[in-house]
Amino acid sequence: MNEVVGRDDLLLVTLDTLRYDVAAELAAAGRIPRLARHLPGRAWQKRHAPGSFTYASHQAMFAGYLPTPAAPGPHPRLFAARFAGSETTAPRTFVFDTPDLVSGLAAAGYHTACVGGVGFFNKRGALGGVLPGLFHESHWEPGFGVTSPTSFEEQVTRAERIVAALPPQRRLFLFLNVSALHQPNWFHLPGATRETGDSRATHAAALEYVDRHVDRLFAAMSARRRCFAIVCSDHGTAYGEDGHVGHRLGHEVVWTVPYAHFFLEPSP
């Protein structure tokens, strides 16, 4: 990462609430072809989330604690704050001297931009301004939120505008929190109704919806130079497993998340 930072643009996409089992099944079945073509081996890596709900997980990720590989470690991290005795900081780790990765990248010359999704990014209250407040610029509007059937398309449009407005020589760190997987998501499955509500099937349909539009985001982020992209979930969610519904709880379907990182090469 010490070679990547300062050379490439950076993209972090959190597919908010996406379960690992659903993501893995859809990749294996060929139902998310645009995402799958970028996944190493066309498969998601199985990891454990650093938190069981959005705020906690993103606070950890912005401190350098991305989801951890599910196999026994220790696992060297891509990014880390300088911290004496850290067992996961390796020579290839990008180490920053600020309290969070966003300001660390800003200190390295990056323009930092946030396109929010779920309520912790809506800036409608004090808590909803904490995470967006880390960035040089941040954006949220109702069309980006969980109740919008076109949320991801609208978020990508804003990302395209951010890229287009930036001077070509300025490096960019773009963070996009995808709200489409989060409940309510029933409207992404044809035939589903508000009365029938959300399910594992509507969750899967929401990921297929994201896949249909993700190439636009990847094209925008690789239009200027090579981009290093991280795509992962911040936590999963339960749809009745062992009586549990939702997240902010310690169930396997909440803690286990999909993860991938890869380069997006610029078009010739």
Protein backbone atom coordinates (compact mmCIF):
# COMPACT_ATOMS: atom_id res chain seq x y z
CA MET A 1 0.00 0.00 0.00
CA ASN A 2 2.97 2.33 0.37
CA GLU A 3 3.34 2.14 -3.42
CA VAL A 4 -0.39 2.47 -4.10
CA VAL A 5 -1.02 5.49 -1.87
CA GLY A 6 0.12 8.61 -3.67
CA ARG A 7 0.10 6.90 -7.07
CA ASP A 8 -3.45 5.59 -7.57
CA ASP A 9 -6.93 6.83 -6.82
CA LEU A 10 -8.70 4.93 -4.03
CA LEU A 11 -12.27 3.69 -3.77
CA LEU A 12 -13.98 2.18 -0.73
CA VAL A 13 -17.49 0.83 -1.29
CA THR A 14 -19.41 -0.58 1.65
CA LEU A 15 -22.39 -2.67 0.59
CA ASP A 16 -24.27 -1.88 3.77
CA THR A 17 -25.84 -4.93 5.45
CA LEU A 18 -24.82 -7.43 2.74
CA ARG A 19 -24.60 -11.01 4.04
CA TYR A 20 -21.68 -13.21 2.99
CA ASP A 21 -23.81 -16.25 2.19
CA VAL A 22 -26.08 -14.33 -0.17
CA ALA A 23 -23.15 -12.59 -1.87
CA ALA A 24 -21.27 -15.87 -2.32
CA GLU A 25 -24.30 -17.70 -3.72
CA LEU A 26 -25.03 -14.98 -6.27
CA ALA A 27 -21.42 -14.84 -7.44
CA ALA A 28 -21.28 -18.64 -7.85
CA ALA A 29 -24.59 -18.67 -9.75
CA GLY A 30 -23.54 -15.96 -12.19
CA ARG A 31 -26.17 -13.54 -10.92
CA ILE A 32 -23.77 -10.62 -10.29
CA PRO A 33 -21.53 -10.80 -13.38
CA ARG A 34 -20.25 -7.22 -13.27
CA LEU A 35 -19.03 -7.46 -9.71
CA ALA A 36 -17.80 -11.04 -10.12
CA ARG A 37 -15.48 -10.20 -13.02
CA HIS A 38 -13.44 -8.07 -10.61
CA LEU A 39 -13.38 -10.52 -7.68
CA PRO A 40 -10.14 -12.52 -7.41
CA GLY A 41 -11.11 -15.99 -8.59
CA ARG A 42 -14.60 -14.59 -9.25
CA ALA A 43 -15.42 -15.22 -5.59
CA TRP A 44 -15.82 -13.11 -2.47
CA GLN A 45 -13.39 -13.54 0.39
CA LYS A 46 -15.06 -14.62 3.63
CA ARG A 47 -14.28 -12.16 6.42
CA HIS A 48 -15.49 -11.05 9.83
CA ALA A 49 -16.87 -7.54 10.27
CA PRO A 50 -15.29 -5.19 12.83
CA GLY A 51 -18.76 -4.25 14.12
CA SER A 52 -22.34 -5.52 14.11
CA PHE A 53 -23.94 -2.31 12.84
CA THR A 54 -23.07 0.56 10.53
CA TYR A 55 -21.71 3.19 12.90
CA ALA A 56 -19.44 0.89 14.88
CA SER A 57 -18.15 -0.92 11.81
CA HIS A 58 -17.35 2.24 9.86
CA GLN A 59 -15.61 3.87 12.81
CA ALA A 60 -13.35 0.82 12.91
CA MET A 61 -12.80 0.71 9.14
CA PHE A 62 -11.93 4.40 9.05
CA ALA A 63 -9.33 3.66 11.73
CA GLY A 64 -7.77 1.04 9.43
CA TYR A 65 -9.58 -2.05 10.72
CA LEU A 66 -11.18 -3.46 7.58
CA PRO A 67 -13.05 -6.79 7.86
CA THR A 68 -10.66 -9.52 9.02
CA PRO A 69 -10.09 -12.77 7.05
CA ALA A 70 -12.11 -15.57 8.65
CA ALA A 71 -9.07 -17.89 8.90
CA PRO A 72 -6.75 -17.75 11.95
CA GLY A 73 -4.29 -14.84 11.86
CA PRO A 74 -2.64 -12.52 12.50
CA HIS A 75 -3.50 -10.81 9.23
CA PRO A 76 -1.41 -7.79 8.14
CA ARG A 77 -3.59 -4.79 7.38
CA LEU A 78 -3.62 -2.52 4.33
CA PHE A 79 -3.88 0.64 6.45
CA ALA A 80 -3.05 1.35 10.07
CA ALA A 81 -2.67 4.29 12.41
CA ARG A 82 0.78 4.45 13.96
CA PHE A 83 0.32 2.46 17.14
CA ALA A 84 3.07 0.95 19.29
CA GLY A 85 2.84 -2.82 19.55
CA SER A 86 0.40 -3.36 16.68
CA GLU A 87 0.72 -6.99 15.57
CA THR A 88 -1.11 -6.41 12.27
CA THR A 89 1.02 -3.51 11.00
CA ALA A 90 3.51 -4.88 8.46
CA PRO A 91 6.16 -3.28 6.21
CA ARG A 92 3.65 -3.19 3.34
CA THR A 93 0.99 -1.44 5.48
CA PHE A 94 0.33 2.24 4.79
CA VAL A 95 0.80 3.82 8.23
CA PHE A 96 -0.76 7.21 8.96
CA ASP A 97 -0.13 9.60 11.84
CA THR A 98 -3.66 10.97 12.14
CA PRO A 99 -6.57 9.48 14.11
CA ASP A 100 -8.30 8.08 11.02
CA LEU A 101 -7.59 6.87 7.49
CA VAL A 102 -9.56 9.68 5.85
CA SER A 103 -7.42 12.44 7.35
CA GLY A 104 -4.34 10.28 6.83
CA LEU A 105 -5.03 10.16 3.11
CA ALA A 106 -5.79 13.88 3.08
CA ALA A 107 -2.35 14.46 4.62
CA ALA A 108 -0.92 12.37 1.78
CA GLY A 109 -2.47 14.75 -0.76
CA TYR A 110 -5.81 13.11 -1.49
CA HIS A 111 -9.11 14.86 -1.95
CA THR A 112 -11.55 12.90 0.22
CA ALA A 113 -15.21 12.58 -0.72
CA CYS A 114 -18.14 10.73 0.85
CA VAL A 115 -21.38 9.70 -0.85
CA GLY A 116 -23.62 8.63 2.00
CA GLY A 117 -26.40 6.09 2.05
CA VAL A 118 -27.92 4.91 5.33
CA GLY A 119 -28.95 7.20 8.15
CA PHE A 120 -25.54 7.46 9.80
CA PHE A 121 -24.47 9.53 6.77
CA ASN A 122 -27.54 11.75 6.31
CA LYS A 123 -26.25 14.74 8.36
CA ARG A 124 -29.79 15.33 9.64
CA GLY A 125 -28.64 15.18 13.24
CA ALA A 126 -25.40 15.38 15.20
CA LEU A 127 -24.73 11.65 14.98
CA GLY A 128 -25.44 11.58 11.25
CA GLY A 129 -22.70 14.15 10.71
CA VAL A 130 -19.83 12.39 12.49
CA LEU A 131 -18.71 10.03 9.72
CA PRO A 132 -19.33 12.42 6.80
CA GLY A 133 -17.51 15.12 8.77
CA LEU A 134 -14.22 13.26 8.28
CA PHE A 135 -14.19 14.12 4.56
CA HIS A 136 -13.34 17.24 2.55
CA GLU A 137 -16.77 16.94 0.92
CA SER A 138 -19.77 14.79 1.73
CA HIS A 139 -23.12 14.29 0.08
CA TRP A 140 -26.45 12.85 1.10
CA GLU A 141 -29.99 13.37 -0.13
CA PRO A 142 -33.21 11.36 0.26
CA GLY A 143 -32.68 9.72 -3.13
CA PHE A 144 -29.52 8.07 -1.74
CA GLY A 145 -31.33 6.60 1.27
CA VAL A 146 -32.77 3.23 2.19
CA THR A 147 -36.31 3.98 1.05
CA SER A 148 -35.33 4.93 -2.50
CA PRO A 149 -35.70 2.19 -5.16
CA THR A 150 -33.13 4.07 -7.29
CA SER A 151 -30.65 4.85 -4.52
CA PHE A 152 -27.54 3.33 -6.06
CA GLU A 153 -28.09 4.87 -9.48
CA GLU A 154 -28.41 8.29 -7.87
CA GLN A 155 -25.33 7.75 -5.73
CA VAL A 156 -23.29 6.78 -8.77
CA THR A 157 -24.43 9.91 -10.59
CA ARG A 158 -23.11 12.00 -7.70
CA ALA A 159 -19.83 10.07 -7.73
CA GLU A 160 -19.46 10.77 -11.45
CA ARG A 161 -19.89 14.49 -10.77
CA ILE A 162 -17.27 14.42 -8.02
CA VAL A 163 -14.73 12.79 -10.33
CA ALA A 164 -15.51 15.18 -13.19
CA ALA A 165 -15.08 18.26 -10.97
CA LEU A 166 -11.68 17.29 -9.61
CA PRO A 167 -8.48 18.61 -11.25
CA PRO A 168 -6.82 15.73 -13.15
CA GLN A 169 -3.63 15.87 -11.11
CA ARG A 170 -5.40 15.62 -7.73
CA ARG A 171 -5.63 12.14 -6.25
CA LEU A 172 -9.06 11.07 -5.01
CA PHE A 173 -10.26 8.88 -2.18
CA LEU A 174 -13.96 8.22 -2.74
CA PHE A 175 -16.08 6.45 -0.16
CA LEU A 176 -19.58 5.27 -1.10
CA ASN A 177 -21.97 3.67 1.37
CA VAL A 178 -24.53 1.65 -0.62
CA SER A 179 -27.92 1.69 1.08
CA ALA A 180 -29.82 -0.58 -1.35
CA LEU A 181 -29.25 -3.84 0.58
CA HIS A 182 -30.49 -2.37 3.87
CA GLN A 183 -34.10 -2.84 4.84
CA PRO A 184 -36.51 -1.95 3.32
CA ASN A 185 -35.40 -3.79 0.20
CA TRP A 186 -38.60 -5.61 -0.84
CA PHE A 187 -39.13 -3.25 -3.78
CA HIS A 188 -36.10 -4.70 -5.62
CA LEU A 189 -37.82 -8.08 -6.14
CA PRO A 190 -40.53 -8.15 -8.82
CA GLY A 191 -43.81 -9.27 -7.28
CA ALA A 192 -42.85 -8.52 -3.70
CA THR A 193 -45.02 -6.13 -1.71
CA ARG A 194 -44.70 -3.95 1.35
CA GLU A 195 -47.02 -6.39 3.13
CA THR A 196 -44.83 -9.42 2.38
CA GLY A 197 -41.83 -7.39 3.48
CA ASP A 198 -38.11 -8.06 3.26
CA SER A 199 -36.56 -11.50 2.98
CA ARG A 200 -33.36 -13.22 2.00
CA ALA A 201 -34.71 -13.23 -1.58
CA THR A 202 -35.31 -9.47 -1.65
CA HIS A 203 -31.85 -8.96 -0.13
CA ALA A 204 -30.42 -10.95 -3.06
CA ALA A 205 -32.49 -8.94 -5.56
CA ALA A 206 -31.06 -5.74 -4.10
CA LEU A 207 -27.52 -6.99 -4.76
CA GLU A 208 -28.49 -7.81 -8.34
CA TYR A 209 -29.79 -4.25 -8.65
CA VAL A 210 -26.45 -2.87 -7.46
CA ASP A 211 -24.62 -5.11 -9.90
CA ARG A 212 -26.60 -3.73 -12.83
CA HIS A 213 -25.21 -0.24 -12.20
CA VAL A 214 -21.77 -0.80 -10.66
CA ASP A 215 -19.88 -0.58 -13.97
CA ARG A 216 -20.68 3.14 -14.11
CA LEU A 217 -18.98 3.67 -10.75
CA PHE A 218 -15.95 1.62 -11.72
CA ALA A 219 -15.66 3.43 -15.06
CA ALA A 220 -15.77 6.83 -13.37
CA MET A 221 -13.13 5.89 -10.82
CA SER A 222 -10.73 4.51 -13.43
CA ALA A 223 -11.26 7.31 -15.96
CA ARG A 224 -8.28 9.37 -14.77
CA ARG A 225 -5.76 6.77 -13.62
CA ARG A 226 -5.57 3.33 -12.05
CA CYS A 227 -7.76 2.93 -9.00
CA PHE A 228 -7.35 0.60 -6.05
CA ALA A 229 -10.83 -0.51 -5.01
CA ILE A 230 -12.10 -2.16 -1.84
CA VAL A 231 -15.65 -3.53 -1.94
CA CYS A 232 -17.03 -5.11 1.20
CA SER A 233 -19.91 -5.24 3.62
CA ASP A 234 -19.87 -3.58 7.02
CA HIS A 235 -22.08 -6.27 8.61
CA GLY A 236 -24.78 -8.74 7.66
CA THR A 237 -28.37 -9.00 8.81
CA ALA A 238 -30.73 -11.73 9.99
CA TYR A 239 -33.99 -12.78 8.37
CA GLY A 240 -35.31 -15.05 11.11
CA GLU A 241 -32.25 -17.24 11.75
CA ASP A 242 -32.58 -18.65 15.30
CA GLY A 243 -35.37 -16.15 15.85
CA HIS A 244 -33.22 -13.11 15.05
CA VAL A 245 -34.23 -10.29 12.73
CA GLY A 246 -31.97 -7.38 11.82
CA HIS A 247 -28.47 -6.67 13.08
CA ARG A 248 -26.59 -5.09 16.03
CA LEU A 249 -26.52 -8.60 17.46
CA GLY A 250 -23.92 -11.37 17.65
CA HIS A 251 -25.12 -13.92 15.10
CA GLU A 252 -23.00 -15.60 12.43
CA VAL A 253 -25.02 -14.05 9.58
CA VAL A 254 -24.28 -10.60 11.02
CA TRP A 255 -20.57 -11.04 11.69
CA THR A 256 -19.66 -12.83 8.44
CA VAL A 257 -19.27 -10.51 5.44
CA PRO A 258 -17.98 -10.55 1.85
CA TYR A 259 -14.80 -8.67 0.96
CA ALA A 260 -12.65 -8.05 -2.11
CA HIS A 261 -9.94 -5.64 -3.20
CA PHE A 262 -8.61 -5.21 -6.71
CA PHE A 263 -7.25 -2.68 -9.21
CA LEU A 264 -9.43 -0.91 -11.75
CA GLU A 265 -7.26 -0.24 -14.78
CA PRO A 266 -7.86 2.92 -16.84
CA SER A 267 -9.39 2.49 -20.28
CA PRO A 268 -6.83 2.62 -23.10
